[in-house]
Amino acid sequence: MPTVAVTAENLETLIEANDLVLLDFWAEWCGPCRSFGPVFETISEEFPNAVFGKIDTEDQQALAASFAIQSIPTLMVIREQVVIFSQAGALPEGALRDLVTQAVNLDMTPIHEEIAQVAGNEE
């Protein structure tokens, strides 16, 4: 699946409607972002069941701020509506492929149980 432009208007729908969403926070003026973009696009073609979204931090400043993005590029992986990975810096193609494979294969049951337990303790 090719990458999609993510905005404040479509982010929630993308996360709710898809089990795996990868977000690339970037800006046109950012050299590392420009070099990471084609890698992100290439890997997106290999994982058609995942959504690879790009958030232009210049255009979507409030959205970037809501995720506390401090440097770009920043890659965030959301699985079943849970952020399971967030890291600043461009990844090489092999590392990104490995990360997506790990995210696909991750057993989310214990993670959801822990979230439910924490939520229960806060009540």
C-alpha atoms as a PDB file:
ATOM      1  CA  MET A   1       0.000   0.000   0.000  1.00  0.00           C
ATOM      2  CA  PRO A   2       1.466   3.392  -0.887  1.00  0.00           C
ATOM      3  CA  THR A   3       2.001   5.927   1.861  1.00  0.00           C
ATOM      4  CA  VAL A   4      -0.858   8.227   2.838  1.00  0.00           C
ATOM      5  CA  ALA A   5      -0.859  11.823   4.023  1.00  0.00           C
ATOM      6  CA  VAL A   6      -1.998  11.959   7.633  1.00  0.00           C
ATOM      7  CA  THR A   7      -3.728  14.980   9.105  1.00  0.00           C
ATOM      8  CA  ALA A   8      -5.496  15.772  12.347  1.00  0.00           C
ATOM      9  CA  GLU A   9      -8.731  15.083  10.481  1.00  0.00           C
ATOM     10  CA  ASN A  10      -7.928  11.512   9.368  1.00  0.00           C
ATOM     11  CA  LEU A  11      -5.513  10.209  12.038  1.00  0.00           C
ATOM     12  CA  GLU A  12      -8.090   8.822  14.458  1.00  0.00           C
ATOM     13  CA  THR A  13      -9.965   7.012  11.687  1.00  0.00           C
ATOM     14  CA  LEU A  14      -6.731   5.471  10.349  1.00  0.00           C
ATOM     15  CA  ILE A  15      -5.728   4.200  13.788  1.00  0.00           C
ATOM     16  CA  GLU A  16      -9.185   2.821  14.618  1.00  0.00           C
ATOM     17  CA  ALA A  17      -9.694   1.140  11.224  1.00  0.00           C
ATOM     18  CA  ASN A  18      -6.269  -0.513  10.899  1.00  0.00           C
ATOM     19  CA  ASP A  19      -4.371  -2.948  13.135  1.00  0.00           C
ATOM     20  CA  LEU A  20      -0.939  -1.609  12.175  1.00  0.00           C
ATOM     21  CA  VAL A  21      -0.126   2.022  11.441  1.00  0.00           C
ATOM     22  CA  LEU A  22       3.349   3.463  10.962  1.00  0.00           C
ATOM     23  CA  LEU A  23       3.743   7.216  11.133  1.00  0.00           C
ATOM     24  CA  ASP A  24       6.655   9.144   9.658  1.00  0.00           C
ATOM     25  CA  PHE A  25       6.874  12.671  11.089  1.00  0.00           C
ATOM     26  CA  TRP A  26       8.835  14.735   8.560  1.00  0.00           C
ATOM     27  CA  ALA A  27       9.358  18.135   6.946  1.00  0.00           C
ATOM     28  CA  GLU A  28      10.413  19.186   3.441  1.00  0.00           C
ATOM     29  CA  TRP A  29      13.443  21.125   4.675  1.00  0.00           C
ATOM     30  CA  CYS A  30      14.816  18.133   6.653  1.00  0.00           C
ATOM     31  CA  GLY A  31      17.625  16.329   4.806  1.00  0.00           C
ATOM     32  CA  PRO A  32      17.397  13.056   6.791  1.00  0.00           C
ATOM     33  CA  CYS A  33      13.617  13.116   6.244  1.00  0.00           C
ATOM     34  CA  ARG A  34      14.090  13.371   2.491  1.00  0.00           C
ATOM     35  CA  SER A  35      16.503  10.427   2.495  1.00  0.00           C
ATOM     36  CA  PHE A  36      14.219   8.317   4.726  1.00  0.00           C
ATOM     37  CA  GLY A  37      11.103   9.009   2.623  1.00  0.00           C
ATOM     38  CA  PRO A  38      11.972   6.604  -0.226  1.00  0.00           C
ATOM     39  CA  VAL A  39      12.899   3.865   2.280  1.00  0.00           C
ATOM     40  CA  PHE A  40       9.540   4.313   4.031  1.00  0.00           C
ATOM     41  CA  GLU A  41       7.766   4.172   0.645  1.00  0.00           C
ATOM     42  CA  THR A  42       9.647   1.011  -0.434  1.00  0.00           C
ATOM     43  CA  ILE A  43       8.835  -0.866   2.774  1.00  0.00           C
ATOM     44  CA  SER A  44       5.189   0.247   2.576  1.00  0.00           C
ATOM     45  CA  GLU A  45       4.866  -1.754  -0.649  1.00  0.00           C
ATOM     46  CA  GLU A  46       6.062  -4.917   1.143  1.00  0.00           C
ATOM     47  CA  PHE A  47       3.400  -4.755   3.886  1.00  0.00           C
ATOM     48  CA  PRO A  48       0.021  -4.187   2.198  1.00  0.00           C
ATOM     49  CA  ASN A  49      -1.933  -4.846   5.409  1.00  0.00           C
ATOM     50  CA  ALA A  50      -0.260  -1.965   7.244  1.00  0.00           C
ATOM     51  CA  VAL A  51      -0.891   1.738   6.796  1.00  0.00           C
ATOM     52  CA  PHE A  52       2.224   3.849   6.272  1.00  0.00           C
ATOM     53  CA  GLY A  53       1.319   7.447   6.984  1.00  0.00           C
ATOM     54  CA  LYS A  54       3.361  10.594   6.578  1.00  0.00           C
ATOM     55  CA  ILE A  55       2.755  13.607   8.816  1.00  0.00           C
ATOM     56  CA  ASP A  56       4.200  16.866   7.503  1.00  0.00           C
ATOM     57  CA  THR A  57       5.207  18.599  10.736  1.00  0.00           C
ATOM     58  CA  GLU A  58       5.140  22.019   9.070  1.00  0.00           C
ATOM     59  CA  ASP A  59       1.561  21.571   7.881  1.00  0.00           C
ATOM     60  CA  GLN A  60       0.367  19.620  10.934  1.00  0.00           C
ATOM     61  CA  GLN A  61       2.143  21.456  13.770  1.00  0.00           C
ATOM     62  CA  ALA A  62      -0.584  20.849  16.340  1.00  0.00           C
ATOM     63  CA  LEU A  63      -0.640  17.132  15.526  1.00  0.00           C
ATOM     64  CA  ALA A  64       3.147  16.877  15.855  1.00  0.00           C
ATOM     65  CA  ALA A  65       2.942  18.751  19.160  1.00  0.00           C
ATOM     66  CA  SER A  66       0.246  16.377  20.436  1.00  0.00           C
ATOM     67  CA  PHE A  67       2.738  13.510  19.955  1.00  0.00           C
ATOM     68  CA  ALA A  68       5.536  15.588  21.580  1.00  0.00           C
ATOM     69  CA  ILE A  69       7.693  15.349  18.449  1.00  0.00           C
ATOM     70  CA  GLN A  70      10.958  17.133  19.184  1.00  0.00           C
ATOM     71  CA  SER A  71      13.121  16.044  16.272  1.00  0.00           C
ATOM     72  CA  ILE A  72      12.508  14.676  12.811  1.00  0.00           C
ATOM     73  CA  PRO A  73      12.297  12.286  11.227  1.00  0.00           C
ATOM     74  CA  THR A  74      10.471  10.433  13.976  1.00  0.00           C
ATOM     75  CA  LEU A  75       8.980   7.027  13.324  1.00  0.00           C
ATOM     76  CA  MET A  76       6.047   5.806  15.394  1.00  0.00           C
ATOM     77  CA  VAL A  77       4.455   2.347  15.211  1.00  0.00           C
ATOM     78  CA  ILE A  78       0.887   1.876  16.432  1.00  0.00           C
ATOM     79  CA  ARG A  79      -0.524  -1.634  16.739  1.00  0.00           C
ATOM     80  CA  GLU A  80      -4.141  -2.208  17.745  1.00  0.00           C
ATOM     81  CA  GLN A  81      -4.373   1.441  18.851  1.00  0.00           C
ATOM     82  CA  VAL A  82      -1.296   1.181  21.123  1.00  0.00           C
ATOM     83  CA  VAL A  83       1.987   3.000  20.433  1.00  0.00           C
ATOM     84  CA  ILE A  84       4.548   0.185  20.552  1.00  0.00           C
ATOM     85  CA  PHE A  85       7.546   2.066  19.125  1.00  0.00           C
ATOM     86  CA  SER A  86       8.655   5.659  18.779  1.00  0.00           C
ATOM     87  CA  GLN A  87      12.123   6.796  17.788  1.00  0.00           C
ATOM     88  CA  ALA A  88      13.707   9.826  16.196  1.00  0.00           C
ATOM     89  CA  GLY A  89      16.121   9.266  13.327  1.00  0.00           C
ATOM     90  CA  ALA A  90      16.066   7.633   9.928  1.00  0.00           C
ATOM     91  CA  LEU A  91      16.271   3.850   9.822  1.00  0.00           C
ATOM     92  CA  PRO A  92      18.031   1.950   7.055  1.00  0.00           C
ATOM     93  CA  GLU A  93      15.825  -0.215   4.851  1.00  0.00           C
ATOM     94  CA  GLY A  94      16.735  -3.523   6.525  1.00  0.00           C
ATOM     95  CA  ALA A  95      16.134  -2.160  10.028  1.00  0.00           C
ATOM     96  CA  LEU A  96      12.740  -0.744   9.031  1.00  0.00           C
ATOM     97  CA  ARG A  97      11.732  -4.031   7.397  1.00  0.00           C
ATOM     98  CA  ASP A  98      12.775  -5.910  10.560  1.00  0.00           C
ATOM     99  CA  LEU A  99      10.866  -3.465  12.783  1.00  0.00           C
ATOM    100  CA  VAL A 100       7.663  -3.854  10.754  1.00  0.00           C
ATOM    101  CA  THR A 101       8.031  -7.648  10.773  1.00  0.00           C
ATOM    102  CA  GLN A 102       8.426  -7.606  14.562  1.00  0.00           C
ATOM    103  CA  ALA A 103       5.363  -5.360  14.903  1.00  0.00           C
ATOM    104  CA  VAL A 104       3.294  -7.706  12.722  1.00  0.00           C
ATOM    105  CA  ASN A 105       4.348 -10.738  14.781  1.00  0.00           C
ATOM    106  CA  LEU A 106       4.020  -9.114  18.216  1.00  0.00           C
ATOM    107  CA  ASP A 107       1.569 -10.846  20.571  1.00  0.00           C
ATOM    108  CA  MET A 108      -0.584  -7.946  21.749  1.00  0.00           C
ATOM    109  CA  THR A 109      -2.531  -9.957  24.362  1.00  0.00           C
ATOM    110  CA  PRO A 110      -0.149  -9.293  27.286  1.00  0.00           C
ATOM    111  CA  ILE A 111       0.120  -5.631  26.302  1.00  0.00           C
ATOM    112  CA  HIS A 112      -3.664  -5.177  26.291  1.00  0.00           C
ATOM    113  CA  GLU A 113      -3.884  -7.028  29.623  1.00  0.00           C
ATOM    114  CA  GLU A 114      -1.287  -4.707  31.162  1.00  0.00           C
ATOM    115  CA  ILE A 115      -3.109  -1.625  29.846  1.00  0.00           C
ATOM    116  CA  ALA A 116      -6.384  -2.927  31.305  1.00  0.00           C
ATOM    117  CA  GLN A 117      -4.695  -3.619  34.648  1.00  0.00           C
ATOM    118  CA  VAL A 118      -3.190  -0.131  34.808  1.00  0.00           C
ATOM    119  CA  ALA A 119      -6.525   1.425  33.853  1.00  0.00           C
ATOM    120  CA  GLY A 120      -8.245  -0.629  36.567  1.00  0.00           C
ATOM    121  CA  ASN A 121      -5.746   0.528  39.193  1.00  0.00           C
ATOM    122  CA  GLU A 122      -6.353   4.162  38.301  1.00  0.00           C
ATOM    123  CA  GLU A 123     -10.056   4.000  39.087  1.00  0.00           C
END
